[in-house]
Amino acid sequence: MMRRFLLLPFILVGCTAPVTDPPAHACSPPLDGSAFTCPPHDFELGKVEIPRKQVRGEVDIYDPYHWSTLHGVYVDNLRKSRIEQTATKPSDSIDQALLEFEMSTESDQ
């Protein structure tokens, strides 16, 4: 009986969550065929940048928990910078896929 009351808030939140349109549909042409313009992109193709974590609030250097937090933020940011350095650029991936597609269609003929 108690389980029903514990699940009720989760069911209500899941059923009443707002449904938003994904950003991929931000530049869809209108169905009536009228003219439209897409907004400019706010990113650079080929540049991979992951948001960094930051320490917020006051830091007490004598508190071992704060040292642990600082170390965790440092390690996370170090991992993200390594990912950025070794990540494949999207344009390179697209070019490689197109090249493989052309090679496969040529071999089929």
C-alpha atoms as a PDB file:
ATOM      1  CA  MET A   1       0.000   0.000   0.000  1.00  0.00           C
ATOM      2  CA  MET A   2       2.850   2.366   0.805  1.00  0.00           C
ATOM      3  CA  ARG A   3       4.449   1.761  -2.604  1.00  0.00           C
ATOM      4  CA  ARG A   4       1.487   3.303  -4.371  1.00  0.00           C
ATOM      5  CA  PHE A   5       1.943   6.562  -2.513  1.00  0.00           C
ATOM      6  CA  LEU A   6       5.685   6.594  -3.176  1.00  0.00           C
ATOM      7  CA  LEU A   7       5.249   6.094  -6.945  1.00  0.00           C
ATOM      8  CA  LEU A   8       2.478   8.675  -7.333  1.00  0.00           C
ATOM      9  CA  PRO A   9       4.804  11.753  -7.429  1.00  0.00           C
ATOM     10  CA  PHE A  10       7.010  10.126 -10.075  1.00  0.00           C
ATOM     11  CA  ILE A  11       4.021   9.254 -12.235  1.00  0.00           C
ATOM     12  CA  LEU A  12       2.585  12.755 -11.960  1.00  0.00           C
ATOM     13  CA  VAL A  13       5.897  14.408 -12.839  1.00  0.00           C
ATOM     14  CA  GLY A  14       6.481  12.069 -15.786  1.00  0.00           C
ATOM     15  CA  CYS A  15       2.998  12.624 -17.188  1.00  0.00           C
ATOM     16  CA  THR A  16       2.958  16.395 -16.785  1.00  0.00           C
ATOM     17  CA  ALA A  17       6.479  17.170 -18.043  1.00  0.00           C
ATOM     18  CA  PRO A  18       6.448  19.726 -20.856  1.00  0.00           C
ATOM     19  CA  VAL A  19       7.169  18.451 -24.338  1.00  0.00           C
ATOM     20  CA  THR A  20       9.432  20.782 -26.305  1.00  0.00           C
ATOM     21  CA  ASP A  21      10.365  20.766 -29.935  1.00  0.00           C
ATOM     22  CA  PRO A  22      13.939  19.582 -30.499  1.00  0.00           C
ATOM     23  CA  PRO A  23      16.399  22.167 -31.832  1.00  0.00           C
ATOM     24  CA  ALA A  24      16.841  20.192 -35.065  1.00  0.00           C
ATOM     25  CA  HIS A  25      13.422  21.477 -36.173  1.00  0.00           C
ATOM     26  CA  ALA A  26      14.384  25.114 -35.616  1.00  0.00           C
ATOM     27  CA  CYS A  27      14.906  25.653 -39.342  1.00  0.00           C
ATOM     28  CA  SER A  28      12.238  23.595 -41.047  1.00  0.00           C
ATOM     29  CA  PRO A  29      10.681  24.969 -44.224  1.00  0.00           C
ATOM     30  CA  PRO A  30       7.021  25.925 -43.887  1.00  0.00           C
ATOM     31  CA  LEU A  31       4.514  23.452 -45.297  1.00  0.00           C
ATOM     32  CA  ASP A  32       2.848  26.037 -47.528  1.00  0.00           C
ATOM     33  CA  GLY A  33       6.057  26.513 -49.558  1.00  0.00           C
ATOM     34  CA  SER A  34       6.580  30.168 -48.644  1.00  0.00           C
ATOM     35  CA  ALA A  35      10.063  31.667 -48.401  1.00  0.00           C
ATOM     36  CA  PHE A  36      12.055  31.222 -45.214  1.00  0.00           C
ATOM     37  CA  THR A  37      15.536  31.893 -43.862  1.00  0.00           C
ATOM     38  CA  CYS A  38      17.447  29.855 -41.302  1.00  0.00           C
ATOM     39  CA  PRO A  39      19.148  31.541 -38.352  1.00  0.00           C
ATOM     40  CA  PRO A  40      22.951  31.527 -38.425  1.00  0.00           C
ATOM     41  CA  HIS A  41      24.735  28.700 -36.670  1.00  0.00           C
ATOM     42  CA  ASP A  42      26.275  29.522 -33.317  1.00  0.00           C
ATOM     43  CA  PHE A  43      29.101  27.014 -33.629  1.00  0.00           C
ATOM     44  CA  GLU A  44      32.197  26.415 -35.721  1.00  0.00           C
ATOM     45  CA  LEU A  45      32.424  23.283 -37.811  1.00  0.00           C
ATOM     46  CA  GLY A  46      35.502  21.275 -36.959  1.00  0.00           C
ATOM     47  CA  LYS A  47      36.033  22.765 -33.514  1.00  0.00           C
ATOM     48  CA  VAL A  48      35.159  20.470 -30.631  1.00  0.00           C
ATOM     49  CA  GLU A  49      34.698  22.209 -27.294  1.00  0.00           C
ATOM     50  CA  ILE A  50      33.297  20.613 -24.158  1.00  0.00           C
ATOM     51  CA  PRO A  51      32.041  22.860 -21.340  1.00  0.00           C
ATOM     52  CA  ARG A  52      34.324  22.928 -18.316  1.00  0.00           C
ATOM     53  CA  LYS A  53      33.371  22.443 -14.686  1.00  0.00           C
ATOM     54  CA  GLN A  54      34.005  25.283 -12.269  1.00  0.00           C
ATOM     55  CA  VAL A  55      34.233  25.466  -8.513  1.00  0.00           C
ATOM     56  CA  ARG A  56      31.521  27.706  -7.132  1.00  0.00           C
ATOM     57  CA  GLY A  57      31.271  29.322  -3.753  1.00  0.00           C
ATOM     58  CA  GLU A  58      33.903  29.666  -1.064  1.00  0.00           C
ATOM     59  CA  VAL A  59      36.746  27.179  -0.790  1.00  0.00           C
ATOM     60  CA  ASP A  60      38.297  26.409   2.591  1.00  0.00           C
ATOM     61  CA  ILE A  61      41.831  25.153   1.960  1.00  0.00           C
ATOM     62  CA  TYR A  62      41.915  23.533   5.420  1.00  0.00           C
ATOM     63  CA  ASP A  63      38.875  21.332   4.742  1.00  0.00           C
ATOM     64  CA  PRO A  64      39.789  17.939   3.185  1.00  0.00           C
ATOM     65  CA  TYR A  65      36.359  17.708   1.479  1.00  0.00           C
ATOM     66  CA  HIS A  66      37.125  20.895  -0.445  1.00  0.00           C
ATOM     67  CA  TRP A  67      40.448  19.438  -1.595  1.00  0.00           C
ATOM     68  CA  SER A  68      38.583  16.398  -2.861  1.00  0.00           C
ATOM     69  CA  THR A  69      36.169  18.607  -4.772  1.00  0.00           C
ATOM     70  CA  LEU A  70      38.993  20.646  -6.286  1.00  0.00           C
ATOM     71  CA  HIS A  71      40.821  17.494  -7.331  1.00  0.00           C
ATOM     72  CA  GLY A  72      37.655  16.060  -8.927  1.00  0.00           C
ATOM     73  CA  VAL A  73      37.052  19.249 -10.930  1.00  0.00           C
ATOM     74  CA  TYR A  74      40.706  19.282 -12.051  1.00  0.00           C
ATOM     75  CA  VAL A  75      40.582  15.634 -13.184  1.00  0.00           C
ATOM     76  CA  ASP A  76      37.286  16.148 -15.059  1.00  0.00           C
ATOM     77  CA  ASN A  77      38.646  19.198 -16.877  1.00  0.00           C
ATOM     78  CA  LEU A  78      41.870  17.352 -17.710  1.00  0.00           C
ATOM     79  CA  ARG A  79      39.866  14.493 -19.242  1.00  0.00           C
ATOM     80  CA  LYS A  80      37.759  16.921 -21.266  1.00  0.00           C
ATOM     81  CA  SER A  81      40.842  18.681 -22.646  1.00  0.00           C
ATOM     82  CA  ARG A  82      42.330  15.329 -23.696  1.00  0.00           C
ATOM     83  CA  ILE A  83      39.074  14.412 -25.446  1.00  0.00           C
ATOM     84  CA  GLU A  84      39.106  17.746 -27.293  1.00  0.00           C
ATOM     85  CA  GLN A  85      42.686  17.191 -28.452  1.00  0.00           C
ATOM     86  CA  THR A  86      42.071  13.671 -29.770  1.00  0.00           C
ATOM     87  CA  ALA A  87      38.495  14.006 -31.049  1.00  0.00           C
ATOM     88  CA  THR A  88      37.818  13.479 -34.732  1.00  0.00           C
ATOM     89  CA  LYS A  89      36.505  16.580 -36.450  1.00  0.00           C
ATOM     90  CA  PRO A  90      32.980  16.183 -37.852  1.00  0.00           C
ATOM     91  CA  SER A  91      34.078  17.392 -41.288  1.00  0.00           C
ATOM     92  CA  ASP A  92      36.779  14.690 -41.399  1.00  0.00           C
ATOM     93  CA  SER A  93      34.237  12.013 -40.486  1.00  0.00           C
ATOM     94  CA  ILE A  94      31.816  13.190 -43.170  1.00  0.00           C
ATOM     95  CA  ASP A  95      34.557  13.316 -45.798  1.00  0.00           C
ATOM     96  CA  GLN A  96      35.702   9.801 -44.883  1.00  0.00           C
ATOM     97  CA  ALA A  97      32.136   8.448 -45.047  1.00  0.00           C
ATOM     98  CA  LEU A  98      31.562  10.020 -48.471  1.00  0.00           C
ATOM     99  CA  LEU A  99      34.845   8.610 -49.740  1.00  0.00           C
ATOM    100  CA  GLU A 100      33.943   5.108 -48.533  1.00  0.00           C
ATOM    101  CA  PHE A 101      30.489   5.421 -50.104  1.00  0.00           C
ATOM    102  CA  GLU A 102      31.948   6.439 -53.464  1.00  0.00           C
ATOM    103  CA  MET A 103      34.431   3.569 -53.338  1.00  0.00           C
ATOM    104  CA  SER A 104      31.668   1.054 -52.554  1.00  0.00           C
ATOM    105  CA  THR A 105      29.466   2.299 -55.420  1.00  0.00           C
ATOM    106  CA  GLU A 106      32.395   2.139 -57.869  1.00  0.00           C
ATOM    107  CA  SER A 107      33.190  -1.453 -56.904  1.00  0.00           C
ATOM    108  CA  ASP A 108      29.530  -2.485 -57.410  1.00  0.00           C
ATOM    109  CA  GLN A 109      29.475  -1.313 -61.032  1.00  0.00           C
END
